[in-house]
Amino acid sequence: MKLIIIGFLSGIISGMGIGGGTVLIPSLVLIYHLSQIEAQGINLIVFIPISIIAIFTHAKNGDIEFKYAKYLIPGGVIGAIVGSIFATKIEPERLSRYFGFFLLFIGIIEFFKGKK
């Protein structure tokens, strides 16, 4: 039941375009004691159907500027390849720490950005 709730919350966040991994990865690491790399791998698999639904929904509502997406996709693909290679080479504890700092950094930015 916990996994369904985690998946539901991750799906809501993903549908908003924020990134469900911000919920999914820490949940899998903290609640189910998976390694960071295992949680990230699961996140990638879960991301596929969630993102397809979100893409159709946002496209239907006219919320996607495809002229920008066609330039971002190649960079994203290359970045995903490089990031995957790095993730498999980094010690799991360090990877987890880097991910935590990243989430903290994004949280601080969003906190102060929201005040404007």
C-alpha atoms as a PDB file:
ATOM      1  CA  MET A   1       0.000   0.000   0.000  1.00  0.00           C
ATOM      2  CA  LYS A   2       2.887   2.362   0.788  1.00  0.00           C
ATOM      3  CA  LEU A   3       4.302   1.885  -2.699  1.00  0.00           C
ATOM      4  CA  ILE A   4       0.960   2.801  -4.276  1.00  0.00           C
ATOM      5  CA  ILE A   5       0.799   5.999  -2.201  1.00  0.00           C
ATOM      6  CA  ILE A   6       4.415   6.859  -3.068  1.00  0.00           C
ATOM      7  CA  GLY A   7       3.653   6.211  -6.748  1.00  0.00           C
ATOM      8  CA  PHE A   8       0.519   8.358  -6.550  1.00  0.00           C
ATOM      9  CA  LEU A   9       2.371  11.287  -4.984  1.00  0.00           C
ATOM     10  CA  SER A  10       5.233  10.878  -7.438  1.00  0.00           C
ATOM     11  CA  GLY A  11       2.743  10.907 -10.314  1.00  0.00           C
ATOM     12  CA  ILE A  12       1.102  14.107  -9.072  1.00  0.00           C
ATOM     13  CA  ILE A  13       4.463  15.846  -8.791  1.00  0.00           C
ATOM     14  CA  SER A  14       5.529  14.544 -12.223  1.00  0.00           C
ATOM     15  CA  GLY A  15       2.288  15.665 -13.816  1.00  0.00           C
ATOM     16  CA  MET A  16       2.987  19.153 -12.525  1.00  0.00           C
ATOM     17  CA  GLY A  17       6.348  19.056 -14.307  1.00  0.00           C
ATOM     18  CA  ILE A  18       8.368  19.225 -11.101  1.00  0.00           C
ATOM     19  CA  GLY A  19       9.835  15.724 -11.192  1.00  0.00           C
ATOM     20  CA  GLY A  20       8.415  12.780  -9.321  1.00  0.00           C
ATOM     21  CA  GLY A  21      11.902  11.586  -8.436  1.00  0.00           C
ATOM     22  CA  THR A  22      11.981  14.221  -5.714  1.00  0.00           C
ATOM     23  CA  VAL A  23       9.368  12.115  -3.891  1.00  0.00           C
ATOM     24  CA  LEU A  24      10.094   8.661  -5.252  1.00  0.00           C
ATOM     25  CA  ILE A  25      13.853   8.422  -4.744  1.00  0.00           C
ATOM     26  CA  PRO A  26      14.029   9.603  -1.114  1.00  0.00           C
ATOM     27  CA  SER A  27      10.999   7.435  -0.262  1.00  0.00           C
ATOM     28  CA  LEU A  28      12.594   4.302  -1.681  1.00  0.00           C
ATOM     29  CA  VAL A  29      15.896   5.033   0.047  1.00  0.00           C
ATOM     30  CA  LEU A  30      14.466   6.003   3.447  1.00  0.00           C
ATOM     31  CA  ILE A  31      11.447   3.682   3.716  1.00  0.00           C
ATOM     32  CA  TYR A  32      12.580   0.631   1.729  1.00  0.00           C
ATOM     33  CA  HIS A  33      16.333   1.017   2.320  1.00  0.00           C
ATOM     34  CA  LEU A  34      17.255   0.677  -1.341  1.00  0.00           C
ATOM     35  CA  SER A  35      20.570   2.056  -2.515  1.00  0.00           C
ATOM     36  CA  GLN A  36      20.540   5.424  -4.238  1.00  0.00           C
ATOM     37  CA  ILE A  37      21.399   3.866  -7.600  1.00  0.00           C
ATOM     38  CA  GLU A  38      18.607   1.263  -7.267  1.00  0.00           C
ATOM     39  CA  ALA A  39      16.094   3.989  -6.400  1.00  0.00           C
ATOM     40  CA  GLN A  40      17.235   6.087  -9.354  1.00  0.00           C
ATOM     41  CA  GLY A  41      16.917   3.089 -11.667  1.00  0.00           C
ATOM     42  CA  ILE A  42      13.367   2.436 -10.472  1.00  0.00           C
ATOM     43  CA  ASN A  43      12.602   6.131 -10.895  1.00  0.00           C
ATOM     44  CA  LEU A  44      13.671   5.946 -14.535  1.00  0.00           C
ATOM     45  CA  ILE A  45      11.344   3.012 -15.210  1.00  0.00           C
ATOM     46  CA  VAL A  46       8.417   4.660 -13.397  1.00  0.00           C
ATOM     47  CA  PHE A  47       9.107   7.920 -15.227  1.00  0.00           C
ATOM     48  CA  ILE A  48       8.328   6.474 -18.667  1.00  0.00           C
ATOM     49  CA  PRO A  49       4.545   5.877 -18.376  1.00  0.00           C
ATOM     50  CA  ILE A  50       4.047   8.904 -16.114  1.00  0.00           C
ATOM     51  CA  SER A  51       5.815  11.223 -18.543  1.00  0.00           C
ATOM     52  CA  ILE A  52       3.893   9.889 -21.540  1.00  0.00           C
ATOM     53  CA  ILE A  53       0.571  10.664 -19.844  1.00  0.00           C
ATOM     54  CA  ALA A  54       1.830  14.100 -18.740  1.00  0.00           C
ATOM     55  CA  ILE A  55       3.090  14.912 -22.252  1.00  0.00           C
ATOM     56  CA  PHE A  56      -0.280  14.105 -23.823  1.00  0.00           C
ATOM     57  CA  THR A  57      -2.154  16.091 -21.176  1.00  0.00           C
ATOM     58  CA  HIS A  58       0.068  19.162 -21.465  1.00  0.00           C
ATOM     59  CA  ALA A  59       0.137  18.979 -25.278  1.00  0.00           C
ATOM     60  CA  LYS A  60      -3.668  18.742 -25.359  1.00  0.00           C
ATOM     61  CA  ASN A  61      -3.836  21.907 -23.252  1.00  0.00           C
ATOM     62  CA  GLY A  62      -1.304  23.681 -25.490  1.00  0.00           C
ATOM     63  CA  ASP A  63       1.269  23.943 -22.708  1.00  0.00           C
ATOM     64  CA  ILE A  64       4.260  22.653 -24.669  1.00  0.00           C
ATOM     65  CA  GLU A  65       6.412  24.895 -26.851  1.00  0.00           C
ATOM     66  CA  PHE A  66       7.786  22.282 -29.226  1.00  0.00           C
ATOM     67  CA  LYS A  67      10.174  24.804 -30.808  1.00  0.00           C
ATOM     68  CA  TYR A  68      12.156  24.790 -27.531  1.00  0.00           C
ATOM     69  CA  ALA A  69      11.776  21.075 -26.845  1.00  0.00           C
ATOM     70  CA  LYS A  70      13.413  20.053 -30.118  1.00  0.00           C
ATOM     71  CA  TYR A  71      16.604  21.821 -29.021  1.00  0.00           C
ATOM     72  CA  LEU A  72      16.513  20.622 -25.421  1.00  0.00           C
ATOM     73  CA  ILE A  73      16.004  16.929 -26.229  1.00  0.00           C
ATOM     74  CA  PRO A  74      19.439  16.263 -27.827  1.00  0.00           C
ATOM     75  CA  GLY A  75      21.225  17.914 -24.895  1.00  0.00           C
ATOM     76  CA  GLY A  76      19.057  15.960 -22.468  1.00  0.00           C
ATOM     77  CA  VAL A  77      19.860  12.666 -24.185  1.00  0.00           C
ATOM     78  CA  ILE A  78      23.597  13.370 -24.093  1.00  0.00           C
ATOM     79  CA  GLY A  79      23.328  14.515 -20.472  1.00  0.00           C
ATOM     80  CA  ALA A  80      21.431  11.343 -19.552  1.00  0.00           C
ATOM     81  CA  ILE A  81      24.175   9.194 -21.030  1.00  0.00           C
ATOM     82  CA  VAL A  82      26.910  11.113 -19.209  1.00  0.00           C
ATOM     83  CA  GLY A  83      24.911  11.208 -15.954  1.00  0.00           C
ATOM     84  CA  SER A  84      24.204   7.471 -16.080  1.00  0.00           C
ATOM     85  CA  ILE A  85      27.880   6.703 -16.565  1.00  0.00           C
ATOM     86  CA  PHE A  86      28.825   8.974 -13.641  1.00  0.00           C
ATOM     87  CA  ALA A  87      26.094   7.528 -11.405  1.00  0.00           C
ATOM     88  CA  THR A  88      27.385   3.988 -11.858  1.00  0.00           C
ATOM     89  CA  LYS A  89      30.972   5.053 -11.083  1.00  0.00           C
ATOM     90  CA  ILE A  90      30.259   7.059  -7.900  1.00  0.00           C
ATOM     91  CA  GLU A  91      30.102   5.370  -4.490  1.00  0.00           C
ATOM     92  CA  PRO A  92      26.452   4.928  -3.388  1.00  0.00           C
ATOM     93  CA  GLU A  93      26.970   7.001  -0.212  1.00  0.00           C
ATOM     94  CA  ARG A  94      28.411   9.909  -2.175  1.00  0.00           C
ATOM     95  CA  LEU A  95      25.687   9.680  -4.797  1.00  0.00           C
ATOM     96  CA  SER A  96      23.079   9.833  -2.064  1.00  0.00           C
ATOM     97  CA  ARG A  97      24.809  12.827  -0.488  1.00  0.00           C
ATOM     98  CA  TYR A  98      25.046  14.651  -3.845  1.00  0.00           C
ATOM     99  CA  PHE A  99      21.363  14.015  -4.467  1.00  0.00           C
ATOM    100  CA  GLY A 100      20.501  15.360  -1.014  1.00  0.00           C
ATOM    101  CA  PHE A 101      22.526  18.531  -1.600  1.00  0.00           C
ATOM    102  CA  PHE A 102      20.862  18.954  -4.979  1.00  0.00           C
ATOM    103  CA  LEU A 103      17.382  18.696  -3.445  1.00  0.00           C
ATOM    104  CA  LEU A 104      18.353  21.109  -0.678  1.00  0.00           C
ATOM    105  CA  PHE A 105      19.766  23.585  -3.202  1.00  0.00           C
ATOM    106  CA  ILE A 106      16.626  23.436  -5.360  1.00  0.00           C
ATOM    107  CA  GLY A 107      14.450  23.781  -2.249  1.00  0.00           C
ATOM    108  CA  ILE A 108      16.304  26.906  -1.131  1.00  0.00           C
ATOM    109  CA  ILE A 109      16.018  28.456  -4.587  1.00  0.00           C
ATOM    110  CA  GLU A 110      12.295  27.700  -4.758  1.00  0.00           C
ATOM    111  CA  PHE A 111      11.741  29.009  -1.222  1.00  0.00           C
ATOM    112  CA  PHE A 112      13.244  32.406  -1.979  1.00  0.00           C
ATOM    113  CA  LYS A 113      11.835  32.540  -5.502  1.00  0.00           C
ATOM    114  CA  GLY A 114       8.342  32.073  -4.075  1.00  0.00           C
ATOM    115  CA  LYS A 115       8.665  35.216  -1.959  1.00  0.00           C
ATOM    116  CA  LYS A 116       8.911  37.507  -5.004  1.00  0.00           C
END
